Amino acid sequence: MALITCPECGNTVSDQATSCPHCGKPLNAFSQTGNYNSAGTNNSYRGTPSGKDRVTAGILAILIGSLGVHYFYLGKTMPGIVFLLFCCTGIPSVLALIQGILMLTMTDEQFDQKYVSTESSFPLF
């Protein structure tokens, strides 16, 4: 029996547990992978459940966000097209810089809620 770390609260939990006894978060995706390091923690979880990485999106937004590339990366084509259409005005550059900084400073859970799991097709901030 190995131990894993709950991604929500950070407490050590048995790999046989289906949810964390401390915070109640389901652990199915973490306990079934079997990818543990020598400390007994699970290293298989990176980024958001959708597979979109917060750091990649943030860097894309800062470097070439005026073209809407970070939105295309996140699968949000409409905001990407709007940024692409208005890139010559300079406004998307400023917005993308701010978005990139915000993406890099928020947690993965906040990023997932705001940019990946939202029903809104055009989240600015």
N, C-alpha and C. Protein backbone atom coordinates (compact mmCIF):
# COMPACT_ATOMS: atom_id res chain seq x y z
N MET A 1 0.84 -1.17 0.00
CA MET A 1 0.00 0.00 0.00
C MET A 1 0.89 1.24 0.00
N ALA A 2 0.63 2.13 -0.94
CA ALA A 2 1.40 3.36 -1.05
C ALA A 2 0.55 4.54 -0.58
N LEU A 3 1.23 5.62 -0.35
CA LEU A 3 0.54 6.84 0.07
C LEU A 3 0.61 7.86 -1.05
N ILE A 4 -0.45 8.64 -1.19
CA ILE A 4 -0.46 9.73 -2.15
C ILE A 4 -0.81 11.02 -1.42
N THR A 5 -0.56 12.13 -2.07
CA THR A 5 -0.89 13.43 -1.49
C THR A 5 -2.14 13.96 -2.18
N CYS A 6 -3.09 14.39 -1.39
CA CYS A 6 -4.32 14.96 -1.93
C CYS A 6 -3.97 16.28 -2.64
N PRO A 7 -4.37 16.43 -3.91
CA PRO A 7 -4.05 17.66 -4.63
C PRO A 7 -4.80 18.88 -4.11
N GLU A 8 -5.87 18.66 -3.36
CA GLU A 8 -6.67 19.77 -2.85
C GLU A 8 -6.11 20.32 -1.54
N CYS A 9 -5.91 19.42 -0.56
CA CYS A 9 -5.52 19.89 0.78
C CYS A 9 -4.08 19.55 1.14
N GLY A 10 -3.42 18.66 0.40
CA GLY A 10 -2.02 18.33 0.65
C GLY A 10 -1.79 17.28 1.71
N ASN A 11 -2.84 16.71 2.29
CA ASN A 11 -2.69 15.67 3.30
C ASN A 11 -2.35 14.34 2.64
N THR A 12 -1.64 13.49 3.37
CA THR A 12 -1.28 12.17 2.89
C THR A 12 -2.47 11.23 3.05
N VAL A 13 -2.76 10.47 1.98
CA VAL A 13 -3.92 9.59 1.95
C VAL A 13 -3.49 8.25 1.36
N SER A 14 -4.13 7.19 1.75
CA SER A 14 -3.87 5.87 1.20
C SER A 14 -4.25 5.86 -0.28
N ASP A 15 -3.48 5.12 -1.10
CA ASP A 15 -3.80 5.03 -2.51
C ASP A 15 -5.07 4.21 -2.77
N GLN A 16 -5.57 3.53 -1.76
CA GLN A 16 -6.81 2.76 -1.88
C GLN A 16 -8.05 3.62 -1.66
N ALA A 17 -7.87 4.82 -1.10
CA ALA A 17 -9.01 5.70 -0.81
C ALA A 17 -9.60 6.25 -2.10
N THR A 18 -10.91 6.37 -2.15
CA THR A 18 -11.56 6.94 -3.32
C THR A 18 -11.76 8.44 -3.18
N SER A 19 -11.73 8.94 -1.94
CA SER A 19 -11.81 10.38 -1.71
C SER A 19 -10.96 10.72 -0.49
N CYS A 20 -10.55 11.95 -0.42
CA CYS A 20 -9.72 12.39 0.70
C CYS A 20 -10.58 12.47 1.96
N PRO A 21 -10.16 11.82 3.06
CA PRO A 21 -10.95 11.89 4.28
C PRO A 21 -10.90 13.27 4.94
N HIS A 22 -9.94 14.11 4.54
CA HIS A 22 -9.80 15.43 5.15
C HIS A 22 -10.67 16.48 4.47
N CYS A 23 -10.64 16.50 3.11
CA CYS A 23 -11.38 17.54 2.39
C CYS A 23 -12.52 16.99 1.54
N GLY A 24 -12.54 15.68 1.30
CA GLY A 24 -13.62 15.07 0.54
C GLY A 24 -13.43 15.05 -0.96
N LYS A 25 -12.30 15.55 -1.47
CA LYS A 25 -12.07 15.58 -2.92
C LYS A 25 -11.90 14.15 -3.45
N PRO A 26 -12.57 13.82 -4.58
CA PRO A 26 -12.39 12.49 -5.16
C PRO A 26 -10.94 12.27 -5.61
N LEU A 27 -10.44 11.07 -5.38
CA LEU A 27 -9.04 10.77 -5.70
C LEU A 27 -8.90 9.72 -6.78
N ASN A 28 -9.95 9.37 -7.49
CA ASN A 28 -9.88 8.28 -8.46
C ASN A 28 -8.78 8.47 -9.49
N ALA A 29 -8.68 9.65 -10.08
CA ALA A 29 -7.68 9.88 -11.12
C ALA A 29 -6.27 9.81 -10.57
N PHE A 30 -6.09 10.10 -9.28
CA PHE A 30 -4.76 10.13 -8.70
C PHE A 30 -4.34 8.78 -8.15
N SER A 31 -5.28 8.02 -7.60
CA SER A 31 -4.93 6.78 -6.94
C SER A 31 -4.77 5.62 -7.91
N GLN A 32 -5.32 5.71 -9.12
CA GLN A 32 -5.25 4.59 -10.04
C GLN A 32 -4.07 4.63 -10.99
N THR A 33 -3.32 5.71 -11.02
CA THR A 33 -2.23 5.82 -11.97
C THR A 33 -1.02 4.99 -11.57
N GLY A 34 -0.78 4.89 -10.28
CA GLY A 34 0.37 4.12 -9.81
C GLY A 34 1.70 4.79 -10.07
N ASN A 35 1.73 6.06 -10.34
CA ASN A 35 2.95 6.78 -10.63
C ASN A 35 3.40 7.52 -9.37
N TYR A 36 4.19 6.86 -8.56
CA TYR A 36 4.60 7.41 -7.28
C TYR A 36 6.10 7.62 -7.26
N ASN A 37 6.54 8.65 -6.55
CA ASN A 37 7.97 8.84 -6.36
C ASN A 37 8.41 8.15 -5.08
N SER A 38 9.67 8.29 -4.71
CA SER A 38 10.19 7.58 -3.54
C SER A 38 9.56 8.04 -2.24
N ALA A 39 9.01 9.25 -2.23
CA ALA A 39 8.36 9.75 -1.01
C ALA A 39 6.93 9.23 -0.89
N GLY A 40 6.46 8.50 -1.90
CA GLY A 40 5.12 7.95 -1.85
C GLY A 40 4.05 8.90 -2.35
N THR A 41 4.45 9.99 -3.00
CA THR A 41 3.45 10.92 -3.52
C THR A 41 3.28 10.69 -5.01
N ASN A 42 2.14 11.06 -5.51
CA ASN A 42 1.77 10.84 -6.89
C ASN A 42 2.25 12.01 -7.74
N ASN A 43 3.01 11.71 -8.81
CA ASN A 43 3.54 12.75 -9.68
C ASN A 43 2.81 12.85 -11.01
N SER A 44 1.72 12.12 -11.18
CA SER A 44 1.10 12.05 -12.49
C SER A 44 0.22 13.25 -12.81
N TYR A 45 -0.21 14.02 -11.84
CA TYR A 45 -1.13 15.13 -12.09
C TYR A 45 -0.35 16.40 -12.37
N ARG A 46 -0.55 16.96 -13.57
CA ARG A 46 0.01 18.26 -13.91
C ARG A 46 -1.03 19.05 -14.66
N GLY A 47 -1.15 20.30 -14.34
CA GLY A 47 -2.07 21.15 -15.06
C GLY A 47 -3.52 20.90 -14.68
N THR A 48 -4.38 21.21 -15.60
CA THR A 48 -5.81 21.10 -15.34
C THR A 48 -6.32 19.76 -15.83
N PRO A 49 -7.51 19.36 -15.40
CA PRO A 49 -8.07 18.10 -15.89
C PRO A 49 -8.22 18.06 -17.41
N SER A 50 -8.36 19.20 -18.06
CA SER A 50 -8.50 19.22 -19.51
C SER A 50 -7.16 19.02 -20.22
N GLY A 51 -6.07 19.09 -19.48
CA GLY A 51 -4.75 18.93 -20.07
C GLY A 51 -4.13 20.24 -20.51
N LYS A 52 -4.82 21.35 -20.37
CA LYS A 52 -4.27 22.65 -20.74
C LYS A 52 -3.42 23.17 -19.60
N ASP A 53 -2.21 23.55 -19.93
CA ASP A 53 -1.25 23.99 -18.92
C ASP A 53 -1.33 25.50 -18.73
N ARG A 54 -1.43 25.92 -17.49
CA ARG A 54 -1.54 27.33 -17.13
C ARG A 54 -0.30 28.11 -17.54
N VAL A 55 0.87 27.54 -17.32
CA VAL A 55 2.13 28.23 -17.63
C VAL A 55 2.28 28.41 -19.14
N THR A 56 1.95 27.38 -19.91
CA THR A 56 2.04 27.49 -21.36
C THR A 56 1.10 28.58 -21.87
N ALA A 57 -0.13 28.59 -21.39
CA ALA A 57 -1.08 29.62 -21.81
C ALA A 57 -0.60 31.01 -21.41
N GLY A 58 -0.05 31.15 -20.21
CA GLY A 58 0.45 32.44 -19.76
C GLY A 58 1.61 32.95 -20.59
N ILE A 59 2.54 32.06 -20.91
CA ILE A 59 3.69 32.47 -21.73
C ILE A 59 3.26 32.81 -23.15
N LEU A 60 2.34 32.03 -23.70
CA LEU A 60 1.81 32.36 -25.03
C LEU A 60 1.12 33.72 -25.02
N ALA A 61 0.37 34.00 -23.97
CA ALA A 61 -0.32 35.28 -23.87
C ALA A 61 0.67 36.44 -23.81
N ILE A 62 1.74 36.27 -23.04
CA ILE A 62 2.72 37.36 -22.90
C ILE A 62 3.52 37.56 -24.19
N LEU A 63 3.97 36.48 -24.81
CA LEU A 63 4.85 36.60 -25.97
C LEU A 63 4.11 36.93 -27.27
N ILE A 64 3.05 36.20 -27.58
CA ILE A 64 2.34 36.43 -28.85
C ILE A 64 0.83 36.48 -28.65
N GLY A 65 0.43 36.98 -27.50
CA GLY A 65 -1.00 37.06 -27.18
C GLY A 65 -1.76 38.07 -28.01
N SER A 66 -1.07 39.04 -28.61
CA SER A 66 -1.78 40.02 -29.42
C SER A 66 -2.45 39.36 -30.63
N LEU A 67 -1.97 38.18 -31.01
CA LEU A 67 -2.57 37.43 -32.12
C LEU A 67 -3.63 36.45 -31.63
N GLY A 68 -3.86 36.39 -30.32
CA GLY A 68 -4.88 35.51 -29.77
C GLY A 68 -4.45 34.06 -29.65
N VAL A 69 -3.15 33.80 -29.74
CA VAL A 69 -2.65 32.43 -29.73
C VAL A 69 -3.02 31.70 -28.44
N HIS A 70 -3.01 32.38 -27.32
CA HIS A 70 -3.35 31.73 -26.05
C HIS A 70 -4.80 31.26 -26.05
N TYR A 71 -5.68 31.99 -26.71
CA TYR A 71 -7.08 31.55 -26.81
C TYR A 71 -7.21 30.34 -27.72
N PHE A 72 -6.49 30.34 -28.83
CA PHE A 72 -6.52 29.17 -29.71
C PHE A 72 -5.98 27.94 -28.97
N TYR A 73 -4.94 28.12 -28.17
CA TYR A 73 -4.39 27.03 -27.36
C TYR A 73 -5.44 26.49 -26.39
N LEU A 74 -6.24 27.37 -25.81
CA LEU A 74 -7.26 26.96 -24.85
C LEU A 74 -8.52 26.44 -25.52
N GLY A 75 -8.57 26.46 -26.85
CA GLY A 75 -9.73 25.96 -27.57
C GLY A 75 -10.86 26.96 -27.69
N LYS A 76 -10.58 28.22 -27.44
CA LYS A 76 -11.57 29.29 -27.53
C LYS A 76 -11.31 30.07 -28.82
N THR A 77 -11.89 29.61 -29.92
CA THR A 77 -11.57 30.21 -31.22
C THR A 77 -12.16 31.59 -31.42
N MET A 78 -13.34 31.85 -30.92
CA MET A 78 -13.97 33.16 -31.14
C MET A 78 -13.15 34.31 -30.54
N PRO A 79 -12.75 34.23 -29.25
CA PRO A 79 -11.90 35.31 -28.73
C PRO A 79 -10.56 35.39 -29.47
N GLY A 80 -10.03 34.24 -29.90
CA GLY A 80 -8.78 34.25 -30.66
C GLY A 80 -8.92 35.01 -31.96
N ILE A 81 -10.05 34.81 -32.64
CA ILE A 81 -10.30 35.52 -33.90
C ILE A 81 -10.47 37.02 -33.64
N VAL A 82 -11.16 37.37 -32.56
CA VAL A 82 -11.34 38.80 -32.23
C VAL A 82 -9.98 39.45 -31.96
N PHE A 83 -9.13 38.78 -31.19
CA PHE A 83 -7.79 39.31 -30.94
C PHE A 83 -7.01 39.44 -32.24
N LEU A 84 -7.13 38.44 -33.11
CA LEU A 84 -6.42 38.46 -34.38
C LEU A 84 -6.90 39.61 -35.27
N LEU A 85 -8.20 39.85 -35.29
CA LEU A 85 -8.74 40.94 -36.12
C LEU A 85 -8.30 42.32 -35.64
N PHE A 86 -8.17 42.49 -34.33
CA PHE A 86 -7.82 43.79 -33.78
C PHE A 86 -6.35 43.91 -33.36
N CYS A 87 -5.51 42.98 -33.77
CA CYS A 87 -4.11 42.99 -33.32
C CYS A 87 -3.36 44.25 -33.76
N CYS A 88 -3.75 44.85 -34.88
CA CYS A 88 -3.05 46.04 -35.36
C CYS A 88 -3.36 47.28 -34.52
N THR A 89 -4.38 47.22 -33.67
CA THR A 89 -4.72 48.38 -32.84
C THR A 89 -3.86 48.47 -31.58
N GLY A 90 -3.28 47.36 -31.17
CA GLY A 90 -2.47 47.36 -29.95
C GLY A 90 -3.24 47.00 -28.70
N ILE A 91 -4.56 47.07 -28.78
CA ILE A 91 -5.38 46.76 -27.61
C ILE A 91 -5.24 45.30 -27.18
N PRO A 92 -5.27 44.34 -28.11
CA PRO A 92 -5.07 42.95 -27.69
C PRO A 92 -3.72 42.69 -27.04
N SER A 93 -2.71 43.46 -27.43
CA SER A 93 -1.39 43.29 -26.82
C SER A 93 -1.42 43.61 -25.33
N VAL A 94 -2.07 44.70 -24.99
CA VAL A 94 -2.17 45.10 -23.58
C VAL A 94 -3.00 44.08 -22.80
N LEU A 95 -4.15 43.71 -23.37
CA LEU A 95 -5.02 42.74 -22.71
C LEU A 95 -4.31 41.39 -22.52
N ALA A 96 -3.60 40.95 -23.56
CA ALA A 96 -2.91 39.66 -23.48
C ALA A 96 -1.78 39.70 -22.45
N LEU A 97 -1.08 40.81 -22.34
CA LEU A 97 -0.03 40.92 -21.34
C LEU A 97 -0.62 40.80 -19.94
N ILE A 98 -1.72 41.50 -19.70
CA ILE A 98 -2.37 41.41 -18.39
C ILE A 98 -2.88 39.99 -18.14
N GLN A 99 -3.51 39.38 -19.15
CA GLN A 99 -4.00 38.01 -19.01
C GLN A 99 -2.86 37.04 -18.73
N GLY A 100 -1.75 37.19 -19.42
CA GLY A 100 -0.61 36.30 -19.21
C GLY A 100 -0.08 36.39 -17.79
N ILE A 101 0.03 37.60 -17.27
CA ILE A 101 0.50 37.78 -15.89
C ILE A 101 -0.48 37.16 -14.91
N LEU A 102 -1.78 37.38 -15.16
CA LEU A 102 -2.79 36.79 -14.27
C LEU A 102 -2.75 35.27 -14.33
N MET A 103 -2.59 34.70 -15.52
CA MET A 103 -2.52 33.24 -15.67
C MET A 103 -1.34 32.66 -14.91
N LEU A 104 -0.23 33.35 -14.95
CA LEU A 104 0.98 32.84 -14.28
C LEU A 104 0.92 32.98 -12.77
N THR A 105 0.08 33.88 -12.27
CA THR A 105 0.02 34.08 -10.82
C THR A 105 -1.12 33.32 -10.15
N MET A 106 -2.07 32.78 -10.92
CA MET A 106 -3.19 32.05 -10.30
C MET A 106 -2.84 30.57 -10.16
N THR A 107 -3.62 29.88 -9.34
CA THR A 107 -3.41 28.44 -9.15
C THR A 107 -4.02 27.69 -10.33
N ASP A 108 -3.67 26.41 -10.45
CA ASP A 108 -4.24 25.58 -11.51
C ASP A 108 -5.75 25.49 -11.41
N GLU A 109 -6.27 25.41 -10.20
CA GLU A 109 -7.71 25.31 -10.01
C GLU A 109 -8.41 26.60 -10.46
N GLN A 110 -7.83 27.75 -10.11
CA GLN A 110 -8.41 29.02 -10.53
C GLN A 110 -8.35 29.15 -12.05
N PHE A 111 -7.23 28.75 -12.64
CA PHE A 111 -7.07 28.80 -14.09
C PHE A 111 -8.12 27.93 -14.77
N ASP A 112 -8.31 26.73 -14.24
CA ASP A 112 -9.27 25.81 -14.83
C ASP A 112 -10.68 26.37 -14.75
N GLN A 113 -11.04 26.96 -13.63
CA GLN A 113 -12.38 27.54 -13.49
C GLN A 113 -12.59 28.72 -14.43
N LYS A 114 -11.58 29.56 -14.56
CA LYS A 114 -11.74 30.80 -15.32
C LYS A 114 -11.60 30.62 -16.83
N TYR A 115 -10.63 29.82 -17.27
CA TYR A 115 -10.31 29.76 -18.69
C TYR A 115 -10.64 28.44 -19.37
N VAL A 116 -10.75 27.35 -18.63
CA VAL A 116 -10.95 26.06 -19.28
C VAL A 116 -12.37 25.55 -19.08
N SER A 117 -12.89 25.58 -17.87
CA SER A 117 -14.19 24.98 -17.57
C SER A 117 -15.36 25.92 -17.71
N THR A 118 -15.15 27.13 -18.12
CA THR A 118 -16.24 28.11 -18.14
C THR A 118 -17.12 27.92 -19.36
N GLU A 119 -18.38 28.28 -19.20
CA GLU A 119 -19.33 28.27 -20.30
C GLU A 119 -19.14 29.53 -21.16
N SER A 120 -18.59 30.58 -20.54
CA SER A 120 -18.38 31.83 -21.26
C SER A 120 -17.32 31.63 -22.34
N SER A 121 -17.57 32.13 -23.51
CA SER A 121 -16.64 31.95 -24.62
C SER A 121 -15.59 33.06 -24.67
N PHE A 122 -15.72 34.09 -23.83
CA PHE A 122 -14.79 35.20 -23.93
C PHE A 122 -14.44 35.76 -22.55
N PRO A 123 -13.77 34.98 -21.71
CA PRO A 123 -13.38 35.52 -20.40
C PRO A 123 -12.16 36.42 -20.55
N LEU A 124 -12.31 37.68 -20.20
CA LEU A 124 -11.18 38.59 -20.33
C LEU A 124 -10.27 38.54 -19.11
N PHE A 125 -10.83 38.69 -17.92
CA PHE A 125 -10.01 38.68 -16.73
C PHE A 125 -10.69 37.83 -15.74
